[in-house]
Protein backbone atom coordinates (compact mmCIF):
# COMPACT_ATOMS: atom_id res chain seq x y z
CA MET A 1 -51.32 -19.69 4.67
CA VAL A 2 -48.21 -17.50 5.67
CA VAL A 3 -47.68 -14.56 3.33
CA PRO A 4 -44.41 -13.66 2.35
CA SER A 5 -42.90 -10.59 2.91
CA PRO A 6 -40.81 -9.22 0.30
CA PHE A 7 -37.21 -8.04 1.06
CA VAL A 8 -36.89 -3.75 1.61
CA TYR A 9 -33.96 -2.39 0.63
CA TRP A 10 -32.20 0.85 2.01
CA ALA A 11 -30.02 3.13 1.80
CA GLN A 12 -29.19 6.79 2.58
CA ASP A 13 -27.60 9.98 1.78
CA ASP A 14 -26.96 13.08 4.48
CA ARG A 15 -30.62 14.41 3.40
CA ASN A 16 -32.86 11.30 2.48
CA ILE A 17 -33.47 7.58 3.09
CA TYR A 18 -34.17 5.62 -0.11
CA LEU A 19 -36.33 2.31 -0.12
CA LYS A 20 -36.55 0.02 -2.74
CA VAL A 21 -39.28 -3.14 -2.28
CA ASP A 22 -38.26 -6.07 -4.09
CA LEU A 23 -41.27 -7.74 -5.61
CA LYS A 24 -39.91 -9.71 -8.42
CA ASP A 25 -41.34 -12.95 -6.93
CA ALA A 26 -44.83 -11.32 -7.26
CA LYS A 27 -46.98 -13.15 -9.56
CA ASP A 28 -49.52 -10.46 -10.43
CA GLU A 29 -48.34 -6.89 -12.22
CA VAL A 30 -46.97 -4.46 -10.16
CA HIS A 31 -45.68 -0.98 -10.66
CA GLN A 32 -43.73 -0.81 -13.15
CA SER A 33 -40.41 1.49 -12.98
CA SER A 34 -37.62 2.47 -15.66
CA SER A 35 -34.63 0.95 -13.39
CA SER A 36 -36.43 -2.22 -11.83
CA PRO A 37 -39.64 -3.39 -13.44
CA ARG A 38 -41.11 -5.31 -10.40
CA ALA A 39 -40.10 -2.90 -7.16
CA TYR A 40 -41.62 0.07 -5.31
CA MET A 41 -38.95 2.60 -4.89
CA PHE A 42 -39.54 5.53 -2.59
CA THR A 43 -37.46 8.87 -0.82
CA LEU A 44 -38.22 10.03 2.12
CA LYS A 45 -36.68 13.19 3.31
CA LYS A 46 -34.76 13.63 6.48
CA ALA A 47 -35.77 16.46 9.39
CA SER A 48 -31.97 17.21 9.62
CA LYS A 49 -28.90 16.31 7.39
CA SER A 50 -27.38 13.26 9.05
CA PHE A 51 -26.30 9.77 8.68
CA TRP A 52 -28.29 7.13 10.26
CA PRO A 53 -26.42 4.28 12.12
CA ARG A 54 -29.62 1.94 11.08
CA LEU A 55 -33.04 2.44 9.55
CA ILE A 56 -35.64 0.62 12.41
CA LYS A 57 -35.72 2.07 16.45
CA HIS A 58 -34.37 -1.65 17.52
CA GLN A 59 -31.33 -2.83 17.03
CA GLN A 60 -32.75 -6.29 16.00
CA LYS A 61 -32.93 -5.89 12.17
CA PRO A 62 -35.96 -8.58 10.58
CA ALA A 63 -34.58 -10.95 8.31
CA TRP A 64 -36.55 -8.97 5.47
CA LEU A 65 -34.83 -5.49 5.80
CA LYS A 66 -31.41 -5.45 3.79
CA VAL A 67 -28.89 -2.35 3.43
CA ASP A 68 -28.07 -1.91 -0.22
CA PHE A 69 -24.72 -1.39 -0.81
CA ASP A 70 -24.35 -1.09 -4.12
CA ARG A 71 -26.62 2.20 -4.09
CA TRP A 72 -24.99 3.71 -1.00
CA ASN A 73 -24.06 7.22 -1.89
CA SER A 74 -22.94 10.62 -0.23
CA GLY A 75 -24.62 13.13 -2.07
CA HIS A 76 -23.51 16.84 -1.73
CA SER A 77 -25.51 18.23 -4.54
CA ASP A 78 -27.50 21.68 -3.26
CA GLU A 79 -30.84 20.94 -5.54
CA ASP A 80 -33.51 19.35 -4.27
CA GLU A 81 -33.51 15.82 -6.96
CA ASP A 82 -36.83 14.11 -7.77
CA LEU A 83 -36.60 10.17 -7.49
CA SER A 84 -34.91 10.07 -11.09
CA ASP A 85 -32.25 11.89 -10.35
CA SER A 86 -31.76 10.66 -6.67
CA PRO A 87 -27.69 10.44 -6.07
CA LEU A 88 -28.88 6.63 -5.01
CA GLY A 89 -28.85 6.16 -8.70
CA TYR A 90 -32.46 5.25 -9.64
CA GLY A 91 -31.28 7.32 -12.35
CA GLY A 92 -28.56 9.59 -11.99
CA ALA A 93 -25.69 10.21 -9.92
CA ARG A 94 -25.18 13.93 -9.80
CA GLY A 95 -23.01 15.30 -7.04
CA ALA A 96 -22.88 11.49 -5.67
CA LYS A 97 -19.60 9.98 -4.20
CA ASP A 98 -18.71 6.90 -2.53
CA ILE A 99 -19.55 7.15 1.30
CA ILE A 100 -16.45 4.98 2.02
CA GLY A 101 -14.14 7.82 1.98
CA ASP A 102 -16.39 9.42 4.28
CA TYR A 103 -18.16 7.05 6.90
CA PRO A 104 -15.58 4.06 6.57
CA GLU A 105 -16.75 2.85 10.15
CA LEU A 106 -20.18 3.50 9.86
CA LEU A 107 -20.28 1.33 6.69
CA GLN A 108 -18.18 -1.24 8.13
CA LYS A 109 -20.71 -1.55 11.16
CA LEU A 110 -23.43 -2.05 8.69
CA LYS A 111 -22.03 -4.69 7.02
CA LEU A 112 -20.95 -6.19 10.28
CA ASP A 113 -24.59 -6.32 11.42
CA GLU A 114 -25.89 -7.01 7.77
CA VAL A 115 -23.95 -10.23 6.81
CA GLY A 116 -22.13 -11.14 10.72
CA TYR A 117 -18.75 -10.58 9.44
CA ILE A 118 -16.87 -7.80 7.10
CA SER A 119 -15.45 -8.88 3.36
CA GLU A 120 -11.83 -7.75 3.27
CA ASP A 121 -10.93 -6.45 -0.32
CA VAL A 122 -8.76 -8.75 -2.19
CA LYS A 123 -6.09 -5.80 -2.66
CA SER A 124 -5.85 -4.83 0.80
CA VAL A 125 -5.31 -8.28 1.85
CA TYR A 126 -2.74 -8.80 -0.07
CA LEU A 127 -0.95 -5.62 0.10
CA VAL A 128 -1.02 -6.56 4.19
CA PHE A 129 0.52 -9.53 3.59
CA TYR A 130 3.14 -8.44 1.40
CA ASN A 131 3.75 -5.62 3.96
CA LEU A 132 4.08 -8.10 6.71
CA MET A 133 5.85 -10.51 5.34
CA GLN A 134 8.83 -7.46 4.12
CA PHE A 135 8.63 -6.16 8.06
CA VAL A 136 9.33 -9.88 9.33
CA LEU A 137 12.06 -10.04 6.64
CA PHE A 138 13.83 -6.99 7.78
CA MET A 139 13.14 -7.72 11.29
CA TYR A 140 14.59 -11.08 10.92
CA ILE A 141 18.05 -9.38 9.84
CA LEU A 142 18.25 -7.18 12.54
CA VAL A 143 17.29 -10.05 15.13
CA VAL A 144 20.14 -12.25 13.41
CA MET A 145 22.77 -8.86 13.37
CA GLY A 146 21.92 -8.14 16.96
CA ILE A 147 22.84 -11.78 18.13
CA SER A 148 25.82 -11.84 16.19
CA PHE A 149 26.64 -8.71 17.83
CA MET A 150 26.38 -10.08 21.57
CA LYS A 151 27.95 -13.42 20.56
CA ASP A 152 30.97 -11.71 18.61
CA GLY A 153 31.71 -8.31 19.47
CA GLY A 154 32.82 -6.03 16.96
CA ASP A 155 33.51 -8.46 14.75
CA TYR A 156 30.10 -9.42 13.81
CA VAL A 157 30.51 -6.88 10.89
CA LYS A 158 32.88 -9.42 8.88
CA SER A 159 30.35 -11.84 8.59
CA ALA A 160 26.85 -9.92 8.87
CA TYR A 161 26.36 -10.37 5.10
CA GLU A 162 27.52 -13.91 5.03
CA ASN A 163 24.39 -14.48 7.87
CA VAL A 164 21.88 -12.06 6.63
CA GLY A 165 22.76 -11.64 2.74
CA PRO A 166 20.09 -14.38 1.50
CA VAL A 167 17.26 -12.53 3.26
CA LEU A 168 18.32 -9.33 2.18
CA LYS A 169 18.63 -10.62 -1.53
CA PHE A 170 15.33 -12.14 -1.45
CA ALA A 171 13.67 -9.42 0.52
CA GLN A 172 14.99 -6.74 -2.31
CA ILE A 173 14.06 -8.51 -5.09
CA LEU A 174 10.47 -9.01 -3.82
CA GLN A 175 10.81 -4.93 -3.45
CA TRP A 176 10.43 -4.81 -7.47
CA LEU A 177 6.74 -5.43 -6.71
CA GLU A 178 6.47 -1.78 -5.19
CA VAL A 179 7.57 -0.73 -8.81
CA MET A 180 4.35 -2.26 -10.76
CA TYR A 181 1.84 -1.44 -7.62
CA PRO A 182 1.31 2.15 -8.92
CA ILE A 183 0.80 1.00 -12.42
CA PHE A 184 -1.88 -1.49 -11.35
CA GLY A 185 -3.66 0.84 -9.03
CA TYR A 186 -2.62 -0.85 -5.96
CA THR A 187 -0.96 2.09 -4.24
CA LYS A 188 -1.72 5.98 -5.29
CA GLY A 189 1.38 8.14 -6.95
CA SER A 190 3.58 7.26 -9.54
CA PHE A 191 6.18 4.73 -10.35
CA LEU A 192 9.29 6.80 -10.35
CA SER A 193 9.41 6.77 -6.87
CA PRO A 194 10.06 3.48 -6.31
CA LEU A 195 11.89 2.59 -9.40
CA LEU A 196 14.29 4.83 -8.29
CA GLN A 197 14.62 4.03 -4.72
CA VAL A 198 14.63 -0.03 -5.41
CA GLY A 199 16.30 0.32 -8.42
CA GLY A 200 19.48 2.35 -6.14
CA ARG A 201 19.56 0.17 -3.58
CA SER A 202 19.46 -3.30 -6.00
CA LEU A 203 22.43 -1.35 -8.04
CA VAL A 204 24.48 -1.24 -4.60
CA LEU A 205 23.47 -4.53 -3.36
CA PHE A 206 24.09 -6.70 -6.29
CA ALA A 207 26.45 -4.47 -8.46
CA MET A 208 28.64 -3.26 -5.72
CA ILE A 209 28.21 -6.10 -2.85
CA GLU A 210 27.23 -9.38 -4.33
CA ALA A 211 29.41 -9.10 -7.16
CA GLU A 212 32.49 -8.43 -5.51
CA PRO A 213 33.28 -10.69 -2.59
CA ARG A 214 36.28 -8.93 -0.87
CA MET A 215 33.76 -5.98 -0.40
CA GLN A 216 31.39 -8.59 1.77
CA SER A 217 33.40 -8.68 5.11
CA LYS A 218 33.77 -4.37 5.04
CA PRO A 219 32.27 -3.01 8.51
CA VAL A 220 30.67 -0.60 5.85
CA VAL A 221 28.62 -3.00 4.71
CA SER A 222 27.28 -4.40 7.83
CA TYR A 223 26.71 -0.66 8.35
CA LEU A 224 24.48 -0.09 5.48
CA ILE A 225 22.30 -3.29 6.26
CA LEU A 226 21.69 -2.01 9.72
CA VAL A 227 20.36 1.28 8.61
CA TRP A 228 18.30 -0.04 5.23
CA SER A 229 16.73 -2.77 8.28
CA ALA A 230 15.88 -0.04 10.54
CA VAL A 231 14.23 1.89 7.77
CA GLU A 232 12.13 -0.82 6.41
CA VAL A 233 10.81 -1.95 9.74
CA VAL A 234 9.54 1.25 10.52
CA ARG A 235 8.23 1.97 6.66
CA TYR A 236 6.06 -1.49 5.84
CA PRO A 237 3.88 -1.65 9.90
CA TYR A 238 3.21 1.97 8.72
CA TYR A 239 2.13 1.14 5.35
CA ILE A 240 -0.34 -1.53 6.83
CA SER A 241 -1.82 0.55 9.36
CA GLN A 242 -2.61 3.19 6.18
CA THR A 243 -3.86 0.38 4.13
CA TYR A 244 -6.83 0.56 6.75
CA LYS A 245 -6.71 4.06 7.46
CA LYS A 246 -5.54 3.79 10.36
CA ASP A 247 -3.54 6.28 12.47
CA ILE A 248 -0.96 5.39 14.64
CA ALA A 249 0.73 8.26 16.28
CA VAL A 250 4.27 6.67 17.08
CA LEU A 251 4.25 4.96 14.25
CA THR A 252 3.24 8.19 12.10
CA TRP A 253 6.18 9.89 14.08
CA LEU A 254 8.86 7.27 13.44
CA ARG A 255 8.11 6.73 9.72
CA TYR A 256 8.61 10.66 9.14
CA THR A 257 11.49 10.76 11.59
CA ILE A 258 13.61 8.19 11.42
CA TRP A 259 14.74 8.79 7.85
CA ILE A 260 15.97 12.35 8.45
CA PRO A 261 19.41 10.75 10.51
CA LEU A 262 19.37 7.37 8.51
CA TYR A 263 18.76 7.90 4.96
CA PRO A 264 22.11 10.38 4.96
CA LEU A 265 23.89 7.56 6.72
CA GLY A 266 22.71 5.27 3.91
CA ALA A 267 23.42 7.63 1.54
CA LEU A 268 27.36 7.93 2.97
CA CYS A 269 27.75 4.12 3.11
CA GLU A 270 26.49 3.48 -0.70
CA GLY A 271 29.09 6.04 -1.53
CA ILE A 272 31.92 4.54 0.44
CA ILE A 273 31.32 1.27 -0.78
CA ILE A 274 31.15 2.47 -4.63
CA LEU A 275 34.43 4.34 -3.32
CA ARG A 276 36.13 1.38 -1.92
CA ASN A 277 35.08 -1.33 -5.38
CA ILE A 278 36.73 1.25 -7.99
CA PRO A 279 40.32 -0.54 -7.27
CA TYR A 280 38.67 -3.78 -7.64
CA PHE A 281 36.49 -3.16 -10.55
CA GLU A 282 39.67 -1.91 -12.14
CA GLU A 283 41.51 -5.24 -10.84
CA THR A 284 38.69 -7.32 -12.30
CA GLN A 285 37.36 -5.57 -15.24
CA ARG A 286 34.20 -6.71 -14.15
CA PHE A 287 30.96 -5.27 -16.19
CA VAL A 288 33.81 -3.44 -18.30
CA VAL A 289 32.62 -3.93 -22.19
CA SER A 290 35.98 -3.24 -24.34
CA MET A 291 36.43 -2.94 -28.08
CA PRO A 292 36.68 -4.46 -30.75
CA ASN A 293 33.35 -5.51 -30.69
CA SER A 294 29.47 -5.97 -32.81
CA TRP A 295 28.36 -2.82 -31.02
CA ASN A 296 31.39 -0.33 -31.94
CA SER A 297 31.24 0.90 -28.50
CA THR A 298 32.98 0.61 -24.70
CA PHE A 299 31.59 0.82 -21.36
CA HIS A 300 33.70 1.52 -18.24
CA THR A 301 32.39 0.64 -14.83
CA THR A 302 34.75 2.26 -13.08
CA SER A 303 34.49 5.37 -15.23
CA ILE A 304 30.87 5.48 -14.45
CA MET A 305 31.45 5.41 -10.68
CA ARG A 306 33.69 7.90 -10.46
CA ILE A 307 31.13 10.46 -12.77
CA TYR A 308 28.51 9.30 -9.87
CA LEU A 309 30.52 10.19 -6.84
CA LEU A 310 31.63 13.66 -8.35
CA VAL A 311 28.23 14.81 -9.64
CA PHE A 312 25.71 13.47 -7.27
CA PHE A 313 27.35 11.98 -4.21
CA ILE A 314 29.68 14.76 -3.09
CA PRO A 315 27.81 17.36 -3.83
CA GLY A 316 24.78 15.70 -2.03
CA ILE A 317 26.86 15.50 1.44
CA LYS A 318 27.69 19.20 1.34
């Protein structure tokens, strides 16, 4: 008769090994524990502080030995803790924190050895997919504009928005998702920063360029599209690398260097577009609310444009 071996789950912190012998299928009554009624739990003290890559000497792991990922913590308490107060979580969690932040490579290797593959977090997969898609969209814009320049020379600027405008508008609409990421915990930080950036670009793109056909063929519009796209083809790959906490030196350098000349150039192009649009908006009275009306109020678009240029844009470029 073959006697089945019970599953043994193990976890660790930097000082101890924690074992749980799972006897849930046992027919006879066994040792009782407040946290696991049919299990033996052991704590083994390490000779020195370190994290072990595996429990046993041999790399080939027996089928009955499992990694207890749910209770894998790194304890930093200076007190000697007994089993009921262990950082493993059998009775308490004093001084414990998630090991993923401290030892991601070790934990990934253990998962690979345990199940044969590494399960990806749904949130991380989504962020990689989103950032990759945005990178492809902005790279497409740069490639199309480059091909147009080689074919038409300097005249490409007149048709640049016509050629890449639909893709640019689609990418810009998608960027509103970035405003919601901090709210739902997908990214860290405040939603105000992406709100200001995405909102500002959307106003320029949809209110200043898309709404005024005569502006679309101006060279400054093509220059602005080039600046926006050049920034984004660096930013989104950098975000992908940071999703998996991979530091790529060249990418990091580009991320924090390329914006130094491009952001002022982008702001300059946006200011010129607003300035050039003032006569067009005066002529068409676009977005103007005149009295009398039910709200008993008025809104003059060109006055807002002039105030923006005087208060924010001109002092900013000085």
